[in-house]
Protein backbone atom coordinates (compact mmCIF):
# COMPACT_ATOMS: atom_id res chain seq x y z
CA UNK A 1 53.54 84.13 66.04
CA UNK A 2 53.55 80.59 67.44
CA UNK A 3 54.64 80.40 71.09
CA UNK A 4 54.70 77.28 73.27
CA UNK A 5 56.34 76.62 76.62
CA UNK A 6 56.43 72.90 77.42
CA UNK A 7 57.51 71.90 80.92
CA UNK A 8 57.69 69.02 83.38
CA UNK A 9 56.48 70.88 86.44
CA UNK A 10 55.15 74.28 85.44
CA UNK A 11 56.88 77.60 86.02
CA UNK A 12 59.61 77.12 88.65
CA UNK A 13 62.10 79.94 89.13
CA UNK A 14 64.65 78.11 86.93
CA UNK A 15 62.50 78.66 83.82
CA UNK A 16 60.12 81.44 84.79
CA UNK A 17 62.06 84.32 83.25
CA UNK A 18 62.09 82.54 79.89
CA UNK A 19 58.31 82.23 80.04
CA UNK A 20 57.93 85.91 80.94
CA UNK A 21 59.83 86.83 77.76
CA UNK A 22 57.01 85.25 75.75
CA UNK A 23 54.39 87.59 77.20
CA UNK A 24 53.33 90.56 75.09
CA UNK A 25 52.11 92.55 78.08
CA UNK A 26 52.46 92.97 81.83
CA UNK A 27 51.64 89.78 83.78
CA UNK A 28 49.15 91.77 85.85
CA UNK A 29 46.94 92.25 82.80
CA UNK A 30 47.55 88.75 81.43
CA UNK A 31 44.76 86.17 81.67
CA UNK A 32 45.50 82.44 81.88
CA UNK A 33 43.01 79.77 80.85
CA UNK A 34 43.93 77.04 83.34
CA UNK A 35 42.92 73.50 82.34
CA UNK A 36 43.34 70.97 85.19
CA UNK A 37 41.30 68.14 83.60
CA UNK A 38 44.22 65.67 83.37
CA UNK A 39 44.36 65.54 87.18
CA UNK A 40 40.85 64.07 87.53
CA UNK A 41 42.02 60.43 87.95
CA UNK A 42 44.73 61.35 90.49
CA UNK A 43 44.00 60.92 94.20
CA UNK A 44 46.47 63.59 95.29
CA UNK A 45 46.08 66.78 93.27
CA UNK A 46 48.76 68.81 95.06
CA UNK A 47 50.34 69.71 91.70
CA UNK A 48 47.17 71.50 90.61
CA UNK A 49 47.35 73.83 93.60
CA UNK A 50 51.08 74.26 93.05
CA UNK A 51 50.51 75.37 89.45
CA UNK A 52 47.80 77.82 90.49
CA UNK A 53 50.10 79.26 93.16
CA UNK A 54 52.87 79.81 90.59
CA UNK A 55 50.52 81.57 88.18
CA UNK A 56 49.19 83.86 90.91
CA UNK A 57 52.71 84.50 92.21
CA UNK A 58 53.64 85.86 88.78
CA UNK A 59 50.62 88.15 89.03
CA UNK A 60 48.49 86.73 86.24
CA UNK A 61 44.72 86.22 86.39
CA UNK A 62 43.21 82.73 86.15
CA UNK A 63 40.10 81.47 84.39
CA UNK A 64 39.66 77.76 85.14
CA UNK A 65 38.24 75.54 82.38
CA UNK A 66 37.22 71.91 82.80
CA UNK A 67 37.20 70.19 79.41
CA UNK A 68 34.43 67.84 80.59
CA UNK A 69 32.08 70.83 80.76
CA UNK A 70 33.08 72.48 77.48
CA UNK A 71 32.47 72.10 73.77
CA UNK A 72 34.06 73.50 70.64
CA UNK A 73 31.92 76.65 70.66
CA UNK A 74 32.36 77.44 74.35
CA UNK A 75 36.11 76.81 74.17
CA UNK A 76 36.46 79.09 71.16
CA UNK A 77 34.63 81.86 72.99
CA UNK A 78 36.37 81.52 76.36
CA UNK A 79 39.90 80.93 75.06
CA UNK A 80 39.63 83.90 72.70
CA UNK A 81 39.51 86.15 75.77
CA UNK A 82 42.66 84.65 77.34
CA UNK A 83 46.32 85.29 76.60
CA UNK A 84 47.77 82.01 77.85
CA UNK A 85 46.36 78.49 77.54
CA UNK A 86 47.83 76.46 80.40
CA UNK A 87 47.22 72.69 80.23
CA UNK A 88 48.24 71.10 83.51
CA UNK A 89 49.47 67.58 84.23
CA UNK A 90 47.94 64.28 85.24
CA UNK A 91 47.05 61.24 83.12
CA UNK A 92 47.97 61.86 79.49
CA UNK A 93 45.57 59.32 77.98
CA UNK A 94 42.64 60.63 80.02
CA UNK A 95 43.57 64.18 79.00
CA UNK A 96 43.75 63.34 75.30
CA UNK A 97 40.38 61.60 75.50
CA UNK A 98 38.76 64.80 76.80
CA UNK A 99 40.78 66.99 74.43
CA UNK A 100 38.96 65.19 71.62
CA UNK A 101 35.54 64.88 73.25
CA UNK A 102 35.45 68.59 74.10
CA UNK A 103 36.62 69.79 70.70
CA UNK A 104 39.76 71.37 72.17
CA UNK A 105 41.74 69.58 69.47
CA UNK A 106 39.70 71.39 66.81
CA UNK A 107 40.30 74.91 68.14
CA UNK A 108 43.82 74.93 69.60
CA UNK A 109 45.86 75.16 66.38
CA UNK A 110 44.01 78.28 65.20
CA UNK A 111 44.35 79.89 68.64
CA UNK A 112 48.10 79.22 68.74
CA UNK A 113 48.50 80.63 65.23
CA UNK A 114 46.64 83.75 66.38
CA UNK A 115 49.23 84.33 69.11
CA UNK A 116 47.86 82.59 72.21
CA UNK A 117 50.70 81.17 74.31
CA UNK A 118 50.42 77.46 75.07
CA UNK A 119 51.93 76.28 78.36
CA UNK A 120 52.07 72.56 79.01
CA UNK A 121 52.89 70.72 82.21
CA UNK A 122 53.81 67.02 82.00
CA UNK A 123 50.76 65.47 80.26
CA UNK A 124 49.99 68.94 78.92
CA UNK A 125 53.46 68.99 77.34
CA UNK A 126 53.06 65.56 75.76
CA UNK A 127 49.80 66.14 73.87
CA UNK A 128 51.15 68.91 71.56
CA UNK A 129 53.52 66.42 69.92
CA UNK A 130 52.93 64.08 66.97
CA UNK A 131 52.21 61.09 69.23
CA UNK A 132 51.48 60.60 72.95
CA UNK A 133 52.81 57.03 73.27
CA UNK A 134 55.83 58.36 75.20
CA UNK A 135 53.46 58.87 78.15
CA UNK A 136 53.17 55.12 78.68
CA UNK A 137 56.83 54.15 78.41
CA UNK A 138 58.43 52.53 81.44
CA UNK A 139 56.63 53.45 84.65
CA UNK A 140 54.59 56.11 82.89
CA UNK A 141 50.86 56.74 82.70
CA UNK A 142 48.34 53.90 82.54
CA UNK A 143 45.94 53.97 79.61
CA UNK A 144 42.90 54.06 81.89
CA UNK A 145 40.50 55.08 79.09
CA UNK A 146 41.68 52.36 76.67
CA UNK A 147 42.64 54.95 74.09
CA UNK A 148 43.60 53.34 70.77
CA UNK A 149 44.50 56.46 68.76
CA UNK A 150 47.75 57.88 70.12
CA UNK A 151 48.08 60.76 67.66
CA UNK A 152 48.93 64.06 69.32
CA UNK A 153 47.90 67.59 68.40
CA UNK A 154 50.87 68.11 66.06
CA UNK A 155 51.51 71.61 67.35
CA UNK A 156 55.20 70.62 67.41
CA UNK A 157 57.08 67.93 65.48
CA UNK A 158 58.77 66.31 68.48
CA UNK A 159 57.69 64.52 71.65
CA UNK A 160 58.36 65.66 75.20
CA UNK A 161 59.42 63.10 77.78
CA UNK A 162 58.90 64.90 81.11
CA UNK A 163 60.41 64.23 84.56
CA UNK A 164 63.64 62.82 83.11
CA UNK A 165 66.11 61.28 85.56
CA UNK A 166 69.34 59.48 84.76
CA UNK A 167 67.80 56.02 85.23
CA UNK A 168 65.46 56.78 82.30
CA UNK A 169 68.30 57.26 79.81
CA UNK A 170 68.69 53.65 78.64
CA UNK A 171 64.99 53.10 77.94
CA UNK A 172 64.64 56.49 76.29
CA UNK A 173 67.55 55.80 73.95
CA UNK A 174 66.06 52.41 73.04
CA UNK A 175 62.60 53.80 72.37
CA UNK A 176 63.90 56.79 70.43
CA UNK A 177 65.24 54.38 67.81
CA UNK A 178 61.78 52.89 67.31
CA UNK A 179 59.91 56.12 66.61
CA UNK A 180 60.10 58.51 63.67
CA UNK A 181 60.12 61.79 65.60
CA UNK A 182 62.65 63.53 67.89
CA UNK A 183 62.29 63.45 71.68
CA UNK A 184 63.07 66.25 74.14
CA UNK A 185 63.79 64.78 77.57
CA UNK A 186 63.12 67.34 80.30
CA UNK A 187 64.03 67.19 83.96
CA UNK A 188 61.80 68.95 86.47
CA UNK A 189 63.68 72.25 86.18
CA UNK A 190 63.58 72.53 82.39
CA UNK A 191 61.23 73.59 79.61
CA UNK A 192 61.18 73.60 75.83
CA UNK A 193 60.55 77.10 74.51
CA UNK A 194 59.16 77.28 70.97
CA UNK A 195 58.91 80.58 69.11
CA UNK A 196 57.80 79.98 65.53
CA UNK A 197 60.38 77.49 64.22
CA UNK A 198 62.98 78.11 66.93
CA UNK A 199 63.19 75.35 69.56
CA UNK A 200 65.29 75.77 72.71
CA UNK A 201 65.60 73.74 75.92
CA UNK A 202 65.94 76.15 78.83
CA UNK A 203 66.50 75.78 82.57
CA UNK A 204 68.95 73.79 84.69
CA UNK A 205 70.64 70.56 83.67
CA UNK A 206 71.77 68.58 80.63
CA UNK A 207 69.90 69.41 77.44
CA UNK A 208 68.75 66.13 75.86
CA UNK A 209 67.18 66.21 72.39
CA UNK A 210 67.19 62.80 70.70
CA UNK A 211 66.82 62.82 66.92
């Protein structure tokens, strides 16, 4: 069963209960592979600690994985022993660069199909889509690694635009007409929950899914 939980800010109380429904067992015996690599270029990494605090608050165990230190074989081995694969936020282009260099892109589809739950935060929610170009729209991420291939992991057939606020609406509508995939715009208290082919925006606020 394919399960993904794509968010702007992690697991705030507004969406947490939806995430818990995806778990097959008690949180206390659930292990999370936590991947903070996208935060490397950021000076202030407060959001990494915030994500870790939320995971521990739920009662789950954490195994931290840095994609820069992994390869396809090590990822296969370590992720096989985890229940949740949690890819945290930061710079999307930097993250995708290491997703490819580490071989994460070669193992994740099989792991998801085997029942591992994928949780994305911001950049981690953008890379599962068909294309990551949404990350650079407006005042978004800078392409600090000069990435030229913007293809995503294709775990889902739509893009996530995280941290949506009303002032983003005009640009998002314009850009949505130029791309050939849908866009889910999420505020900081929302998530997209995917169970097999069912897609649902959960949490607080207007549900925006541009086709």
